[in-house]
Protein backbone atom coordinates (compact mmCIF):
# COMPACT_ATOMS: atom_id res chain seq x y z
CA MET A 1 97.77 19.08 -43.30
CA ILE A 2 94.53 21.76 -42.46
CA ALA A 3 91.72 19.64 -44.79
CA ILE A 4 92.73 16.80 -42.85
CA ARG A 5 92.04 18.40 -39.45
CA HIS A 6 88.99 19.36 -40.78
CA ILE A 7 88.32 16.55 -42.40
CA LEU A 8 88.80 14.28 -39.21
CA ALA A 9 87.18 17.32 -36.86
CA VAL A 10 83.58 16.88 -39.03
CA CYS A 11 84.25 12.56 -39.01
CA LEU A 12 84.29 13.49 -34.76
CA VAL A 13 81.73 15.45 -34.85
CA ALA A 14 79.54 13.16 -36.76
CA ALA A 15 80.79 10.41 -35.07
CA ALA A 16 79.95 11.65 -31.61
CA ALA A 17 76.52 12.84 -32.53
CA TRP A 18 76.02 9.23 -33.72
CA ALA A 19 76.92 8.04 -30.59
CA ALA A 20 74.85 10.51 -28.65
CA ALA A 21 71.99 8.73 -30.46
CA GLU A 22 72.65 5.24 -30.10
CA ALA A 23 73.48 6.04 -26.22
CA ALA A 24 69.86 8.12 -26.20
CA PRO A 25 68.08 5.98 -23.36
CA ALA A 26 65.14 4.07 -24.68
CA LYS A 27 61.48 5.05 -23.75
CA THR A 28 59.38 2.08 -21.83
CA VAL A 29 55.68 1.74 -22.08
CA LYS A 30 53.83 -1.27 -19.63
CA ILE A 31 50.59 -2.15 -21.15
CA THR A 32 48.09 -5.04 -19.47
CA PHE A 33 46.00 -7.20 -20.90
CA VAL A 34 43.32 -8.51 -18.88
CA LEU A 35 41.44 -11.54 -19.97
CA VAL A 36 37.90 -13.23 -19.33
CA ASN A 37 36.05 -15.55 -21.41
CA ASP A 38 32.91 -18.23 -21.27
CA ILE A 39 31.93 -16.41 -18.04
CA TYR A 40 27.93 -17.86 -17.21
CA GLN A 41 27.34 -17.92 -14.11
CA MET A 42 26.30 -14.47 -11.82
CA ASN A 43 27.50 -16.13 -8.59
CA ASP A 44 30.82 -17.65 -7.58
CA THR A 45 31.01 -20.77 -7.33
CA LEU A 46 32.01 -23.70 -4.59
CA MET A 47 35.24 -25.22 -5.71
CA ALA A 48 36.22 -28.83 -5.17
CA ASP A 49 39.07 -27.73 -2.63
CA GLY A 50 36.61 -25.63 -0.25
CA GLN A 51 37.02 -22.25 -2.06
CA ARG A 52 34.91 -19.62 -3.79
CA ARG A 53 35.92 -18.79 -7.26
CA GLY A 54 34.48 -16.67 -10.25
CA GLY A 55 31.30 -14.99 -10.56
CA PHE A 56 30.73 -11.13 -11.99
CA ALA A 57 31.92 -9.64 -8.21
CA ARG A 58 35.18 -11.36 -7.93
CA LEU A 59 35.99 -10.65 -12.18
CA ALA A 60 35.03 -6.81 -11.04
CA ALA A 61 37.15 -6.91 -8.39
CA VAL A 62 39.96 -8.03 -10.60
CA VAL A 63 39.89 -5.55 -13.32
CA LYS A 64 38.51 -2.46 -11.11
CA ALA A 65 42.10 -3.31 -9.05
CA GLU A 66 43.82 -3.74 -12.45
CA ARG A 67 42.60 -0.75 -13.52
CA ALA A 68 43.85 1.54 -10.31
CA LYS A 69 47.85 0.90 -10.64
CA GLY A 70 47.61 3.73 -13.11
CA ARG A 71 49.41 1.86 -16.11
CA TYR A 72 47.69 1.50 -18.99
CA VAL A 73 45.13 -1.49 -19.09
CA VAL A 74 42.95 -3.57 -22.21
CA PHE A 75 40.30 -5.51 -20.56
CA ALA A 76 39.18 -8.13 -23.14
CA HIS A 77 36.27 -10.26 -23.26
CA ALA A 78 36.32 -13.57 -25.38
CA GLY A 79 32.61 -14.44 -25.56
CA ASP A 80 30.59 -16.77 -24.65
CA THR A 81 28.28 -14.98 -21.65
CA ILE A 82 24.44 -14.34 -22.24
CA SER A 83 23.69 -18.23 -22.19
CA PRO A 84 23.77 -20.38 -20.49
CA SER A 85 23.07 -20.15 -16.97
CA LEU A 86 19.83 -20.37 -15.07
CA MET A 87 18.73 -16.75 -14.96
CA SER A 88 19.67 -16.74 -18.88
CA GLY A 89 16.74 -19.08 -18.92
CA ILE A 90 14.63 -16.32 -17.76
CA ASP A 91 15.75 -13.23 -19.02
CA GLN A 92 17.62 -14.44 -22.27
CA GLY A 93 20.94 -12.60 -21.06
CA ALA A 94 19.52 -9.32 -20.10
CA SER A 95 20.96 -9.50 -16.01
CA ILE A 96 24.29 -10.66 -17.63
CA ILE A 97 24.39 -7.85 -19.92
CA LYS A 98 23.48 -5.44 -16.61
CA LEU A 99 26.37 -7.01 -14.80
CA THR A 100 29.16 -6.69 -17.89
CA ASN A 101 28.30 -2.85 -17.96
CA MET A 102 29.22 -2.39 -14.38
CA ILE A 103 33.11 -3.56 -15.60
CA PRO A 104 32.42 -2.79 -19.25
CA PRO A 105 35.66 -4.32 -21.39
CA ASP A 106 37.60 -2.74 -23.66
CA VAL A 107 37.35 -5.50 -26.15
CA PHE A 108 34.06 -7.95 -26.76
CA VAL A 109 33.58 -10.59 -29.22
CA PRO A 110 30.19 -12.73 -29.04
CA GLY A 111 30.63 -16.32 -28.65
CA ASN A 112 28.78 -18.81 -30.26
CA HIS A 113 26.15 -18.78 -26.57
CA GLU A 114 25.37 -15.14 -27.18
CA PHE A 115 23.35 -16.49 -30.54
CA ASP A 116 21.07 -19.14 -28.39
CA PHE A 117 18.01 -17.01 -28.23
CA GLY A 118 18.22 -16.32 -32.11
CA LYS A 119 19.42 -13.36 -34.10
CA ALA A 120 16.57 -10.64 -32.49
CA VAL A 121 17.82 -11.29 -29.05
CA PHE A 122 21.30 -11.31 -29.98
CA PHE A 123 20.87 -7.72 -31.87
CA LYS A 124 18.50 -6.37 -28.37
CA ARG A 125 21.08 -7.92 -25.98
CA MET A 126 24.15 -5.99 -28.31
CA ALA A 127 21.67 -2.75 -28.06
CA GLU A 128 22.08 -2.73 -24.07
CA ALA A 129 25.58 -3.65 -24.05
CA LYS A 130 28.05 -0.23 -23.30
CA PHE A 131 31.58 -1.69 -24.43
CA PRO A 132 33.09 -2.09 -27.28
CA ARG A 133 32.22 -4.87 -29.99
CA TYR A 134 34.40 -6.46 -32.60
CA ALA A 135 33.54 -9.15 -34.84
CA ALA A 136 35.42 -8.81 -38.69
CA ASN A 137 34.00 -12.20 -39.57
CA LEU A 138 30.47 -11.79 -38.77
CA ARG A 139 28.04 -9.77 -41.44
CA GLY A 140 24.65 -9.44 -41.39
CA PRO A 141 22.35 -10.90 -44.38
CA ASP A 142 22.98 -7.95 -46.78
CA GLY A 143 26.76 -8.83 -45.95
CA LYS A 144 27.47 -5.69 -44.26
CA VAL A 145 29.34 -5.35 -40.66
CA LEU A 146 26.85 -5.45 -37.72
CA GLU A 147 25.39 -2.28 -36.38
CA GLY A 148 27.63 -1.08 -33.55
CA PHE A 149 30.74 -3.95 -34.15
CA LYS A 150 33.61 -3.37 -35.87
CA ASP A 151 36.16 -5.27 -37.82
CA ARG A 152 39.78 -4.03 -36.13
CA ALA A 153 40.96 -0.31 -34.61
CA ILE A 154 44.24 0.84 -33.61
CA VAL A 155 44.56 2.13 -29.77
CA THR A 156 47.79 4.31 -28.97
CA PHE A 157 49.00 3.62 -25.39
CA GLY A 158 52.04 6.47 -24.32
CA GLY A 159 53.48 6.30 -27.79
CA VAL A 160 52.84 2.74 -28.45
CA ARG A 161 50.01 1.50 -31.47
CA VAL A 162 48.30 -1.25 -30.31
CA GLY A 163 45.97 -2.97 -33.06
CA ILE A 164 43.27 -5.00 -32.45
CA THR A 165 40.66 -6.97 -34.05
CA GLY A 166 38.30 -9.60 -32.90
CA ALA A 167 36.31 -12.72 -34.45
CA THR A 168 33.29 -14.46 -33.11
CA SER A 169 33.09 -18.81 -33.34
CA ASP A 170 32.44 -19.91 -36.93
CA SER A 171 30.75 -22.41 -35.88
CA SER A 172 28.06 -20.73 -34.53
CA PRO A 173 25.33 -22.12 -37.39
CA GLN A 174 26.41 -25.20 -36.37
CA GLU A 175 26.00 -24.92 -32.59
CA SER A 176 23.69 -21.47 -31.67
CA SER A 177 20.88 -20.11 -33.49
CA PRO A 178 22.32 -17.11 -35.50
CA GLU A 179 19.78 -17.56 -38.41
CA ASP A 180 20.88 -15.65 -41.35
CA LEU A 181 23.60 -14.03 -40.04
CA LYS A 182 26.90 -14.79 -41.88
CA PHE A 183 30.04 -16.14 -40.56
CA SER A 184 33.47 -15.82 -42.67
CA PRO A 185 36.05 -18.36 -41.68
CA THR A 186 38.25 -17.18 -38.13
CA VAL A 187 41.64 -18.18 -39.14
CA GLU A 188 41.65 -16.52 -42.90
CA THR A 189 39.64 -13.47 -41.73
CA VAL A 190 41.53 -12.21 -38.58
CA LYS A 191 45.10 -12.60 -40.73
CA GLN A 192 43.74 -10.42 -43.27
CA GLN A 193 42.74 -7.88 -40.17
CA ALA A 194 46.19 -8.32 -38.64
CA GLU A 195 48.39 -7.69 -41.82
CA LEU A 196 45.76 -4.67 -42.57
CA LEU A 197 46.58 -3.42 -38.77
CA ARG A 198 50.31 -3.81 -39.53
CA ARG A 199 50.27 -1.32 -42.91
CA GLU A 200 48.35 1.11 -41.02
CA GLY A 201 51.02 1.26 -38.27
CA ALA A 202 50.52 -1.13 -35.89
CA ASP A 203 53.03 -1.86 -33.38
CA LEU A 204 51.59 -4.90 -31.81
CA VAL A 205 48.78 -7.00 -33.32
CA VAL A 206 45.94 -8.27 -31.01
CA ALA A 207 43.26 -10.72 -31.75
CA VAL A 208 40.59 -11.38 -29.29
CA VAL A 209 38.93 -14.71 -30.62
CA HIS A 210 36.02 -17.07 -29.78
CA ALA A 211 37.81 -19.94 -31.28
CA ASN A 212 39.04 -23.81 -30.79
CA ARG A 213 42.31 -24.19 -29.94
CA LYS A 214 43.27 -25.39 -33.38
CA GLN A 215 42.15 -22.25 -34.47
CA ASP A 216 43.86 -20.36 -31.61
CA TYR A 217 46.93 -22.15 -32.61
CA ALA A 218 47.23 -21.55 -36.58
CA LEU A 219 46.53 -17.81 -35.56
CA PHE A 220 49.93 -18.29 -33.08
CA ASN A 221 51.92 -20.27 -36.21
CA SER A 222 50.70 -17.46 -38.98
CA ASN A 223 53.47 -14.66 -38.34
CA THR A 224 50.73 -11.94 -38.20
CA VAL A 225 49.03 -11.63 -34.68
CA ASP A 226 51.21 -10.87 -31.70
CA LEU A 227 48.75 -11.78 -29.15
CA THR A 228 45.51 -13.71 -28.95
CA LEU A 229 43.20 -13.71 -26.52
CA SER A 230 40.71 -16.87 -26.60
CA GLY A 231 37.96 -17.90 -25.29
CA ASP A 232 35.93 -21.67 -25.83
CA ASP A 233 37.98 -24.34 -25.08
CA HIS A 234 37.31 -23.71 -21.39
CA ASP A 235 40.88 -24.30 -20.01
CA LEU A 236 43.69 -21.81 -18.20
CA PHE A 237 46.16 -21.85 -20.97
CA ILE A 238 49.25 -20.14 -21.78
CA ASN A 239 52.14 -20.61 -24.66
CA TYR A 240 54.24 -18.05 -25.34
CA ASP A 241 57.67 -19.00 -27.86
CA GLY A 242 59.56 -15.60 -27.98
CA ARG A 243 57.74 -14.43 -30.60
CA ALA A 244 54.22 -14.72 -29.99
CA ALA A 245 51.67 -15.41 -27.35
CA MET A 246 48.36 -17.14 -26.70
CA VAL A 247 46.08 -17.34 -23.74
CA GLU A 248 42.88 -18.51 -22.12
CA SER A 249 41.14 -17.57 -18.53
CA SER A 250 39.68 -21.06 -17.92
CA TYR A 251 35.54 -20.06 -17.51
CA ASP A 252 33.02 -18.87 -15.02
CA ALA A 253 35.97 -16.18 -14.16
CA HIS A 254 37.75 -18.67 -11.89
CA TYR A 255 41.01 -17.48 -13.05
CA VAL A 256 41.94 -14.64 -14.98
CA THR A 257 44.61 -13.85 -16.68
CA ALA A 258 46.64 -10.83 -16.61
CA ILE A 259 49.50 -10.27 -19.19
CA ASP A 260 52.07 -7.39 -18.39
CA ILE A 261 54.04 -6.55 -21.62
CA THR A 262 56.55 -4.06 -21.54
CA PHE A 263 57.54 -1.87 -25.11
CA THR A 264 61.11 -0.92 -25.57
CA ILE A 265 61.12 2.39 -28.28
CA ASN A 266 63.93 2.78 -30.02
CA GLU A 267 64.92 6.27 -32.35
CA ILE A 268 67.67 5.47 -34.33
CA GLY A 269 69.19 7.61 -37.07
CA GLY A 270 65.05 8.51 -37.89
CA THR A 271 63.67 5.11 -37.61
CA ARG A 272 61.71 4.31 -34.87
CA GLN A 273 62.03 0.55 -33.57
CA VAL A 274 59.60 -1.44 -30.88
CA ALA A 275 60.50 -4.82 -28.65
CA TRP A 276 58.34 -6.42 -26.64
CA TRP A 277 58.44 -8.99 -23.66
CA PRO A 278 55.40 -10.24 -22.04
CA ARG A 279 54.96 -11.38 -18.16
CA PHE A 280 51.94 -13.49 -17.30
CA ARG A 281 49.95 -13.47 -13.94
CA VAL A 282 47.41 -15.96 -13.04
CA ILE A 283 45.10 -14.64 -10.70
CA ASP A 284 43.01 -16.96 -8.50
CA THR A 285 40.06 -15.45 -8.13
CA ALA A 286 39.72 -17.40 -4.91
CA ASN A 287 42.03 -14.65 -3.73
CA VAL A 288 40.09 -11.55 -4.53
CA ARG A 289 37.48 -10.05 -2.06
CA PRO A 290 34.38 -9.42 -4.30
CA ASP A 291 33.27 -6.43 -5.61
CA ARG A 292 30.64 -4.87 -2.87
CA LYS A 293 28.68 -3.04 -5.68
CA VAL A 294 28.58 -5.55 -7.99
CA ALA A 295 27.82 -8.05 -5.02
CA GLN A 296 24.90 -5.88 -4.32
CA MET A 297 23.36 -6.22 -8.01
CA VAL A 298 24.12 -10.05 -7.89
CA ARG A 299 21.97 -9.92 -4.67
CA GLY A 300 19.07 -8.32 -5.93
CA LEU A 301 19.29 -10.55 -9.16
CA ASP A 302 19.29 -13.68 -7.32
CA ARG A 303 15.73 -12.65 -5.28
CA THR A 304 14.72 -12.09 -8.80
CA LEU A 305 15.52 -15.54 -9.68
CA VAL A 306 13.91 -16.98 -6.87
CA LYS A 307 10.57 -15.24 -7.39
CA GLU A 308 11.13 -16.40 -10.87
CA LEU A 309 11.39 -20.02 -10.35
CA ASP A 310 8.01 -19.94 -8.43
CA VAL A 311 6.30 -19.38 -11.98
CA GLN A 312 3.78 -22.15 -13.60
CA ILE A 313 5.43 -23.29 -16.86
CA GLY A 314 2.88 -26.02 -17.68
CA THR A 315 0.95 -29.17 -16.51
CA THR A 316 1.49 -32.49 -16.60
CA ALA A 317 -1.22 -34.83 -18.18
CA VAL A 318 0.12 -38.37 -16.90
CA LYS A 319 1.49 -38.96 -14.38
CA LEU A 320 5.64 -38.44 -13.46
CA ASP A 321 7.44 -40.32 -11.67
CA SER A 322 11.02 -39.14 -10.85
CA ARG A 323 11.84 -41.67 -8.08
CA ASN A 324 15.02 -43.99 -8.14
CA ALA A 325 13.09 -47.01 -8.71
CA THR A 326 11.69 -45.72 -11.39
CA VAL A 327 14.17 -43.65 -13.49
CA ARG A 328 17.17 -46.23 -12.60
CA THR A 329 15.19 -49.73 -13.96
CA GLY A 330 13.17 -48.74 -16.98
CA GLU A 331 11.40 -46.49 -19.18
CA ALA A 332 9.57 -43.29 -16.76
CA ALA A 333 7.99 -40.69 -18.69
CA ILE A 334 9.96 -38.05 -17.13
CA GLY A 335 12.93 -39.36 -18.87
CA ASN A 336 11.06 -39.73 -22.17
CA MET A 337 10.07 -36.30 -21.71
CA ILE A 338 13.51 -34.94 -20.78
CA ALA A 339 15.06 -36.91 -23.75
CA ASP A 340 12.61 -35.63 -26.07
CA ALA A 341 13.30 -31.48 -25.29
CA ILE A 342 17.05 -32.06 -25.93
CA ARG A 343 16.50 -34.76 -29.38
CA VAL A 344 13.83 -31.79 -30.36
CA SER A 345 16.13 -28.94 -29.89
CA THR A 346 19.21 -30.42 -31.63
CA GLY A 347 17.68 -32.27 -34.41
CA ALA A 348 19.19 -35.25 -33.54
CA ASP A 349 17.73 -38.77 -34.82
CA ALA A 350 17.84 -40.25 -31.22
CA ALA A 351 18.60 -38.84 -27.44
CA VAL A 352 19.71 -40.89 -24.72
CA ILE A 353 20.45 -39.55 -21.25
CA ASN A 354 20.93 -41.59 -17.72
CA GLY A 355 18.49 -41.78 -14.98
CA GLY A 356 20.98 -40.91 -12.86
CA SER A 357 20.41 -37.52 -13.74
CA ILE A 358 17.21 -37.24 -12.62
CA ARG A 359 17.10 -36.15 -9.37
CA ALA A 360 14.10 -34.97 -7.70
CA GLY A 361 12.65 -38.45 -6.05
CA LYS A 362 9.36 -37.23 -6.79
CA SER A 363 5.88 -38.04 -8.02
CA TYR A 364 3.42 -35.49 -10.08
CA SER A 365 -0.04 -36.79 -10.30
CA ALA A 366 -2.06 -36.50 -13.44
CA GLY A 367 -3.32 -32.36 -13.67
CA SER A 368 -0.51 -31.20 -11.56
CA ALA A 369 1.18 -27.93 -12.08
CA ILE A 370 5.08 -27.97 -13.24
CA LYS A 371 7.01 -25.14 -12.48
CA ARG A 372 10.11 -23.51 -12.82
CA SER A 373 11.60 -24.98 -9.69
CA ASP A 374 10.19 -28.48 -10.33
CA ILE A 375 12.50 -28.85 -13.60
CA PHE A 376 15.45 -26.92 -11.73
CA ALA A 377 14.90 -30.05 -8.74
CA GLU A 378 14.92 -33.00 -11.35
CA LEU A 379 17.83 -31.76 -13.20
CA PRO A 380 20.45 -30.19 -10.59
CA PHE A 381 23.28 -31.15 -11.98
CA GLY A 382 23.95 -28.15 -14.68
CA ASN A 383 24.63 -30.85 -17.39
CA ARG A 384 24.59 -29.21 -20.69
CA VAL A 385 23.62 -30.70 -24.35
CA GLY A 386 25.98 -32.62 -26.52
CA LEU A 387 25.36 -33.98 -29.89
CA ILE A 388 27.40 -36.60 -31.37
CA GLU A 389 27.36 -38.51 -34.19
CA ILE A 390 27.52 -42.66 -33.83
CA SER A 391 27.30 -45.45 -35.57
CA GLY A 392 24.54 -47.79 -35.18
CA ARG A 393 26.87 -50.87 -33.92
CA ASN A 394 27.98 -48.49 -31.83
CA LEU A 395 25.11 -47.19 -30.30
CA LYS A 396 24.05 -50.64 -29.49
CA ALA A 397 27.02 -51.40 -27.25
CA ALA A 398 26.03 -48.27 -25.75
CA ILE A 399 22.48 -49.43 -25.09
CA GLU A 400 24.09 -52.73 -23.68
CA ASN A 401 25.48 -50.20 -20.82
CA GLY A 402 23.01 -48.48 -19.87
CA LEU A 403 21.03 -52.23 -19.30
CA ARG A 404 24.03 -53.83 -17.92
CA SER A 405 23.17 -53.43 -14.04
CA LEU A 406 19.60 -55.10 -14.33
CA PRO A 407 17.87 -56.29 -12.44
CA GLY A 408 19.15 -53.96 -10.17
CA ALA A 409 18.88 -50.08 -10.22
CA ALA A 410 21.38 -48.00 -11.91
CA GLY A 411 22.23 -44.18 -12.91
CA ARG A 412 23.47 -45.55 -16.25
CA PHE A 413 20.49 -46.60 -17.26
CA PRO A 414 18.86 -45.11 -20.75
CA GLN A 415 16.12 -42.82 -20.80
CA VAL A 416 15.55 -42.35 -24.57
CA SER A 417 13.98 -40.35 -27.20
CA GLY A 418 13.40 -41.69 -31.04
CA LEU A 419 14.22 -45.39 -29.90
CA VAL A 420 12.20 -48.49 -29.29
CA ILE A 421 14.48 -50.88 -27.41
CA GLU A 422 13.21 -54.52 -26.94
CA ALA A 423 15.75 -56.39 -24.48
CA GLY A 424 16.25 -59.27 -22.03
CA ALA A 425 16.55 -58.27 -18.45
CA ARG A 426 18.16 -61.52 -17.66
CA LEU A 427 20.13 -61.89 -20.62
CA PRO A 428 24.13 -62.44 -20.61
CA VAL A 429 25.19 -58.61 -20.20
CA GLY A 430 26.73 -57.69 -23.04
CA GLN A 431 24.05 -59.89 -25.00
CA ARG A 432 20.74 -58.77 -23.46
CA VAL A 433 19.61 -56.11 -26.56
CA LEU A 434 17.56 -58.23 -28.99
CA SER A 435 16.27 -55.02 -31.38
CA ILE A 436 16.28 -51.12 -31.89
CA LYS A 437 14.39 -48.96 -33.88
CA VAL A 438 15.25 -45.59 -34.75
CA ALA A 439 12.75 -43.50 -35.96
CA GLY A 440 10.57 -46.46 -36.67
CA GLU A 441 13.48 -47.87 -38.57
CA PRO A 442 15.33 -50.89 -37.43
CA LEU A 443 18.54 -49.86 -36.34
CA GLN A 444 21.69 -50.34 -39.01
CA GLU A 445 25.14 -51.06 -37.78
CA ALA A 446 26.80 -49.42 -40.44
CA LYS A 447 24.66 -46.22 -40.49
CA ASN A 448 25.74 -42.80 -38.32
CA TYR A 449 22.87 -41.85 -36.41
CA LYS A 450 23.28 -38.40 -34.91
CA VAL A 451 22.50 -38.86 -30.78
CA ALA A 452 21.64 -36.30 -28.23
CA THR A 453 22.96 -36.84 -24.94
CA ASN A 454 24.41 -35.02 -21.87
CA ASP A 455 27.29 -33.63 -20.94
CA PHE A 456 28.53 -36.08 -18.24
CA LEU A 457 27.56 -39.43 -20.94
CA ALA A 458 29.22 -37.03 -23.96
CA ARG A 459 32.67 -37.77 -21.68
CA GLY A 460 31.99 -41.28 -21.02
CA GLY A 461 30.32 -41.25 -17.51
CA ASP A 462 28.69 -44.07 -16.33
CA GLY A 463 30.71 -46.27 -18.68
CA TYR A 464 29.41 -44.85 -22.27
CA VAL A 465 33.01 -44.69 -23.49
CA MET A 466 31.13 -45.19 -27.11
CA PHE A 467 30.20 -41.81 -26.67
CA ARG A 468 33.14 -40.13 -25.72
CA ASP A 469 34.50 -41.91 -28.74
CA ALA A 470 32.16 -40.49 -30.98
CA LYS A 471 32.61 -37.84 -33.08
CA GLN A 472 31.26 -34.26 -31.24
CA LEU A 473 29.26 -32.53 -33.33
CA ILE A 474 28.02 -30.20 -30.45
CA ARG A 475 30.97 -30.39 -27.97
CA GLY A 476 29.42 -31.41 -24.30
CA TYR A 477 30.94 -28.47 -22.47
CA ASP A 478 29.68 -26.20 -24.73
CA GLY A 479 26.03 -27.42 -25.57
CA PRO A 480 22.85 -25.49 -23.77
CA LEU A 481 21.50 -26.12 -20.02
CA VAL A 482 19.60 -29.32 -20.41
CA VAL A 483 17.51 -27.38 -17.60
CA ASN A 484 17.11 -24.72 -20.06
CA GLU A 485 16.22 -27.24 -23.23
CA VAL A 486 13.53 -28.88 -20.69
CA LEU A 487 12.29 -25.67 -19.25
CA ALA A 488 11.62 -24.11 -23.08
CA TYR A 489 10.21 -27.29 -24.09
CA VAL A 490 7.86 -28.40 -21.55
CA HIS A 491 6.69 -24.47 -21.59
CA LYS A 492 5.89 -24.94 -25.74
CA LEU A 493 4.13 -27.74 -25.19
CA GLY A 494 1.96 -26.16 -22.48
CA THR A 495 0.87 -29.84 -21.24
CA VAL A 496 3.00 -32.74 -21.48
CA ASN A 497 0.86 -35.85 -23.02
CA THR A 498 3.75 -37.66 -23.02
CA GLY A 499 3.80 -41.30 -20.64
CA VAL A 500 5.19 -44.86 -20.46
CA GLU A 501 4.76 -45.96 -24.49
CA GLY A 502 7.06 -48.61 -24.83
CA ARG A 503 10.17 -46.77 -25.94
CA ILE A 504 11.81 -49.63 -23.82
CA ILE A 505 10.71 -53.00 -23.39
CA LEU A 506 12.25 -55.91 -21.17
CA LYS A 507 11.44 -59.47 -21.33
């Protein structure tokens, strides 16, 4: 009987101890992840609703406010920033790095636009950066990790081990100019890094990537990454399925996304268990007062930009005429110059832009100086370069669309490079093209051609639905600024000699 009582006592003590352990309060830790991506513009932008959004001063205000709350904060930048912008066309992104250093991210991954000015400039800008850089899928020509970059890290916040990895855009060699830098596939590389982080003890695996939405979903569904913070698609996007989350924060800091994650840590029988739950906050920067210090820096850079715009970049040996009656009804020398610039920069077979994108309405006599401000005045819309692959049949249909309003003036009228078009201006609409040559050879309707254009036409604007439906080699929203390509082209030429030379012959 005594033995039985002793056994019962021991069991009761053990049960009480087990219950006490079971009832021990769980530890909670809160970490906020703040995401920005694809921020190019120094200034805020006036939007369609009459509100100003975005820019570095408003972003700075958001980040500083989050950091001031006293909780753990990870500020992630998912890439694309040193280009393209008006200022980057002049200083190759130096000003953008200065501004970013004022609100240094905890994680930065390069986007494809970080390579727009070549490898040497990329290295220079990254050496100026005062923040951690990640790019697990990027290597030097020798196959080694780039100086100042890391593949992954584990950072501990209040006992929570957060594993971080990052990846740049693996399509950068097609979309930009990284030269001989080496890129491995984004998804497979991140999955490998995530598995390593998990084995190294990470409670949460975060991947900061500059990746398209298909790649985002591949990571989301991989069961390796808990939180994907992405850039590249330029949309405001949040997805959570109870297991994993992925987020993108629009572009230019119009919106900034904050992900507040609450971690619950239990220690049961010597076993550590960590659970997490996210809450998502979309911060509309129209409601944010710009940070005073960063705004002051932006104003100073704006003054520098104004001075730089007054600089001569070339001379024209031919008359250039950008008046509507010229660029919207026939071949124009200035249209040839602009179309040549984007064809040369992309290596396309041909280029097509709309006359309506040329806006200054000005005449430049032969011998005139060309200033940066002239190019900006002619191309005010901030259009980007797109590159499509299109059949000869659909390219012909696109030219028919461009000529449909003749003899009247229309913004859709094509200004071209690499093409010679003969057409009857008064023939029935859709039957006006008599012949087209591409690079001196007759157009073949069944052959595919690479055509450079602007993002407006690449989206099907001005009736160019054939471009919208073509294969996108460089997506219109992801290419360099047309104005920057023209600036570089004119500066390289020194003297513009291309006049009206029979690219569009109207009968």
